[in-house]
C-alpha atoms as a PDB file:
ATOM      1  CA  UNK A   1      19.842 -15.856  21.108  1.00  0.00           C
ATOM      2  CA  UNK A   2      16.740 -17.658  21.150  1.00  0.00           C
ATOM      3  CA  UNK A   3      13.564 -15.180  20.966  1.00  0.00           C
ATOM      4  CA  UNK A   4      10.199 -17.199  22.185  1.00  0.00           C
ATOM      5  CA  UNK A   5       8.081 -18.367  19.308  1.00  0.00           C
ATOM      6  CA  UNK A   6       5.436 -15.879  19.699  1.00  0.00           C
ATOM      7  CA  UNK A   7       7.773 -12.678  18.524  1.00  0.00           C
ATOM      8  CA  UNK A   8       8.839 -15.146  15.053  1.00  0.00           C
ATOM      9  CA  UNK A   9       4.257 -15.586  14.693  1.00  0.00           C
ATOM     10  CA  UNK A  10       4.207 -11.357  15.461  1.00  0.00           C
ATOM     11  CA  UNK A  11       6.821 -10.834  13.425  1.00  0.00           C
ATOM     12  CA  UNK A  12       4.349 -13.706  10.319  1.00  0.00           C
ATOM     13  CA  UNK A  13       1.871 -11.212  11.253  1.00  0.00           C
ATOM     14  CA  UNK A  14       3.080  -8.317  10.320  1.00  0.00           C
ATOM     15  CA  UNK A  15       4.334  -9.563   7.655  1.00  0.00           C
ATOM     16  CA  UNK A  16      -0.080 -10.985   6.288  1.00  0.00           C
ATOM     17  CA  UNK A  17      -0.638  -7.930   7.476  1.00  0.00           C
ATOM     18  CA  UNK A  18       1.787  -5.474   5.866  1.00  0.00           C
ATOM     19  CA  UNK A  19       1.082  -7.392   2.711  1.00  0.00           C
ATOM     20  CA  UNK A  20      -2.240  -6.896   2.428  1.00  0.00           C
ATOM     21  CA  UNK A  21      -1.941  -3.538   2.003  1.00  0.00           C
ATOM     22  CA  UNK A  22       0.973  -3.047  -0.421  1.00  0.00           C
ATOM     23  CA  UNK A  23       0.221  -1.808  -4.427  1.00  0.00           C
ATOM     24  CA  UNK A  24       2.679  -1.378  -6.283  1.00  0.00           C
ATOM     25  CA  UNK A  25       0.393   1.633  -7.992  1.00  0.00           C
ATOM     26  CA  UNK A  26       1.165   3.541  -4.252  1.00  0.00           C
ATOM     27  CA  UNK A  27       5.158   2.475  -4.361  1.00  0.00           C
ATOM     28  CA  UNK A  28       5.073   4.203  -7.185  1.00  0.00           C
ATOM     29  CA  UNK A  29       3.256   6.750  -7.069  1.00  0.00           C
ATOM     30  CA  UNK A  30       3.017   8.172  -3.710  1.00  0.00           C
ATOM     31  CA  UNK A  31       6.373  10.002  -2.263  1.00  0.00           C
ATOM     32  CA  UNK A  32       5.614   9.020   1.446  1.00  0.00           C
ATOM     33  CA  UNK A  33       5.273   5.612   1.111  1.00  0.00           C
ATOM     34  CA  UNK A  34       8.306   3.704   1.977  1.00  0.00           C
ATOM     35  CA  UNK A  35       8.834  -0.478   2.098  1.00  0.00           C
ATOM     36  CA  UNK A  36      11.412   0.014   4.357  1.00  0.00           C
ATOM     37  CA  UNK A  37       9.694   1.657   7.125  1.00  0.00           C
ATOM     38  CA  UNK A  38       7.181  -1.717   6.761  1.00  0.00           C
ATOM     39  CA  UNK A  39       9.992  -4.247   7.134  1.00  0.00           C
ATOM     40  CA  UNK A  40      11.428  -2.326  10.062  1.00  0.00           C
ATOM     41  CA  UNK A  41       7.599  -2.417  11.886  1.00  0.00           C
ATOM     42  CA  UNK A  42       7.843  -6.311  10.751  1.00  0.00           C
ATOM     43  CA  UNK A  43      10.883  -6.347  12.258  1.00  0.00           C
ATOM     44  CA  UNK A  44      10.471  -4.957  16.103  1.00  0.00           C
ATOM     45  CA  UNK A  45       9.574  -8.329  17.634  1.00  0.00           C
ATOM     46  CA  UNK A  46      12.374  -9.898  16.712  1.00  0.00           C
ATOM     47  CA  UNK A  47      14.874  -7.371  16.971  1.00  0.00           C
ATOM     48  CA  UNK A  48      17.227  -8.968  18.955  1.00  0.00           C
ATOM     49  CA  UNK A  49      18.458 -11.547  17.094  1.00  0.00           C
ATOM     50  CA  UNK A  50      22.082 -10.727  15.269  1.00  0.00           C
ATOM     51  CA  UNK A  51      22.792  -8.829  12.805  1.00  0.00           C
ATOM     52  CA  UNK A  52      22.892 -11.846   9.695  1.00  0.00           C
ATOM     53  CA  UNK A  53      19.947 -13.238  11.177  1.00  0.00           C
ATOM     54  CA  UNK A  54      18.510  -9.788  10.796  1.00  0.00           C
ATOM     55  CA  UNK A  55      19.449  -9.226   7.354  1.00  0.00           C
ATOM     56  CA  UNK A  56      18.143 -12.647   5.840  1.00  0.00           C
ATOM     57  CA  UNK A  57      14.740 -11.842   7.242  1.00  0.00           C
ATOM     58  CA  UNK A  58      14.941  -8.350   6.424  1.00  0.00           C
ATOM     59  CA  UNK A  59      15.448  -9.376   3.219  1.00  0.00           C
ATOM     60  CA  UNK A  60      12.936 -11.789   2.609  1.00  0.00           C
ATOM     61  CA  UNK A  61      10.286  -9.488   4.461  1.00  0.00           C
ATOM     62  CA  UNK A  62      10.116  -6.482   1.676  1.00  0.00           C
ATOM     63  CA  UNK A  63      10.196  -9.874  -0.617  1.00  0.00           C
ATOM     64  CA  UNK A  64       6.477 -11.420   0.441  1.00  0.00           C
ATOM     65  CA  UNK A  65       5.338  -7.502   0.780  1.00  0.00           C
ATOM     66  CA  UNK A  66       5.949  -7.344  -2.387  1.00  0.00           C
ATOM     67  CA  UNK A  67       4.963 -10.761  -3.898  1.00  0.00           C
ATOM     68  CA  UNK A  68       3.233 -13.165  -0.840  1.00  0.00           C
ATOM     69  CA  UNK A  69       2.886 -16.368  -3.653  1.00  0.00           C
ATOM     70  CA  UNK A  70       6.615 -16.130  -5.007  1.00  0.00           C
ATOM     71  CA  UNK A  71       8.238 -15.638  -1.533  1.00  0.00           C
ATOM     72  CA  UNK A  72       6.416 -16.811   1.697  1.00  0.00           C
ATOM     73  CA  UNK A  73       7.310 -21.027   1.934  1.00  0.00           C
ATOM     74  CA  UNK A  74      10.962 -19.059   2.037  1.00  0.00           C
ATOM     75  CA  UNK A  75      10.189 -17.013   4.986  1.00  0.00           C
ATOM     76  CA  UNK A  76       7.948 -19.435   6.832  1.00  0.00           C
ATOM     77  CA  UNK A  77      11.596 -21.902   6.166  1.00  0.00           C
ATOM     78  CA  UNK A  78      13.386 -19.090   7.419  1.00  0.00           C
ATOM     79  CA  UNK A  79      11.427 -18.458  10.500  1.00  0.00           C
ATOM     80  CA  UNK A  80      10.841 -22.463  11.495  1.00  0.00           C
ATOM     81  CA  UNK A  81      14.552 -22.638  10.927  1.00  0.00           C
ATOM     82  CA  UNK A  82      16.138 -19.228  14.181  1.00  0.00           C
ATOM     83  CA  UNK A  83      12.356 -19.877  16.338  1.00  0.00           C
ATOM     84  CA  UNK A  84      12.725 -22.197  19.183  1.00  0.00           C
ATOM     85  CA  UNK A  85      11.024 -25.522  18.913  1.00  0.00           C
ATOM     86  CA  UNK A  86       8.275 -25.598  20.621  1.00  0.00           C
ATOM     87  CA  UNK A  87       8.031 -27.287  23.896  1.00  0.00           C
ATOM     88  CA  UNK A  88       5.276 -30.021  24.809  1.00  0.00           C
ATOM     89  CA  UNK A  89       3.815 -28.874  28.098  1.00  0.00           C
END
Protein backbone atom coordinates (compact mmCIF):
# COMPACT_ATOMS: atom_id res chain seq x y z
CA UNK A 1 0.00 0.00 0.00
CA UNK A 2 1.32 3.40 -0.94
CA UNK A 3 0.62 6.20 1.49
CA UNK A 4 0.64 9.90 0.60
CA UNK A 5 3.89 11.82 1.09
CA UNK A 6 2.16 14.02 3.68
CA UNK A 7 1.82 11.05 6.02
CA UNK A 8 5.57 10.42 5.88
CA UNK A 9 6.19 14.12 6.47
CA UNK A 10 4.01 13.88 9.58
CA UNK A 11 5.99 10.86 10.78
CA UNK A 12 9.25 12.84 10.45
CA UNK A 13 7.76 15.87 12.21
CA UNK A 14 6.50 13.78 15.11
CA UNK A 15 9.85 11.98 15.40
CA UNK A 16 11.71 15.29 15.46
CA UNK A 17 9.41 16.60 18.17
CA UNK A 18 9.78 13.44 20.25
CA UNK A 19 13.56 13.63 19.99
CA UNK A 20 13.56 17.26 21.15
CA UNK A 21 11.73 16.32 24.33
CA UNK A 22 13.63 13.11 25.06
CA UNK A 23 16.06 13.19 27.96
CA UNK A 24 17.79 9.99 29.11
CA UNK A 25 17.31 11.08 32.72
CA UNK A 26 13.54 11.08 32.25
CA UNK A 27 13.62 7.63 30.70
CA UNK A 28 15.63 6.34 33.66
CA UNK A 29 13.92 8.22 36.51
CA UNK A 30 10.29 8.64 35.45
CA UNK A 31 8.37 5.41 35.87
CA UNK A 32 5.52 6.79 33.74
CA UNK A 33 7.69 7.54 30.68
CA UNK A 34 7.73 4.86 28.01
CA UNK A 35 9.75 5.24 24.80
CA UNK A 36 7.40 2.81 23.06
CA UNK A 37 4.53 5.27 23.55
CA UNK A 38 6.54 7.96 21.74
CA UNK A 39 7.38 5.54 18.93
CA UNK A 40 3.73 4.56 18.48
CA UNK A 41 2.75 8.25 18.40
CA UNK A 42 5.29 8.85 15.64
CA UNK A 43 4.02 5.87 13.64
CA UNK A 44 0.32 6.83 13.76
CA UNK A 45 0.31 8.59 10.36
CA UNK A 46 1.74 5.55 8.55
CA UNK A 47 0.00 2.66 10.31
CA UNK A 48 -1.30 1.51 6.91
CA UNK A 49 2.14 0.19 5.96
CA UNK A 50 2.86 -3.52 6.05
CA UNK A 51 4.25 -5.10 9.21
CA UNK A 52 7.84 -5.42 7.95
CA UNK A 53 8.03 -1.74 6.99
CA UNK A 54 6.50 -0.71 10.31
CA UNK A 55 9.02 -2.87 12.19
CA UNK A 56 11.92 -1.19 10.42
CA UNK A 57 10.50 2.25 11.07
CA UNK A 58 9.77 1.39 14.71
CA UNK A 59 13.41 0.47 15.31
CA UNK A 60 14.82 3.54 13.58
CA UNK A 61 12.38 5.94 15.22
CA UNK A 62 13.40 4.68 18.65
CA UNK A 63 17.05 5.18 17.78
CA UNK A 64 16.42 8.67 16.39
CA UNK A 65 14.51 9.74 19.48
CA UNK A 66 17.37 8.59 21.72
CA UNK A 67 20.23 9.80 19.50
CA UNK A 68 19.11 11.95 16.55
CA UNK A 69 22.59 12.82 15.28
CA UNK A 70 23.63 9.20 14.92
CA UNK A 71 20.48 7.81 13.29
CA UNK A 72 18.51 10.50 11.44
CA UNK A 73 20.15 9.80 8.07
CA UNK A 74 19.09 6.14 8.21
CA UNK A 75 15.50 7.13 9.03
CA UNK A 76 15.37 9.65 6.20
CA UNK A 77 16.75 7.05 3.76
CA UNK A 78 14.06 4.55 4.78
CA UNK A 79 11.31 7.16 4.50
CA UNK A 80 12.53 8.09 1.01
CA UNK A 81 12.44 4.41 0.08
CA UNK A 82 8.89 3.94 1.40
CA UNK A 83 7.35 7.26 0.33
CA UNK A 84 5.84 7.72 -3.12
CA UNK A 85 7.70 9.69 -5.74
CA UNK A 86 6.64 13.35 -5.71
CA UNK A 87 4.45 14.30 -8.62
CA UNK A 88 4.96 17.50 -10.54
CA UNK A 89 1.87 19.63 -10.67
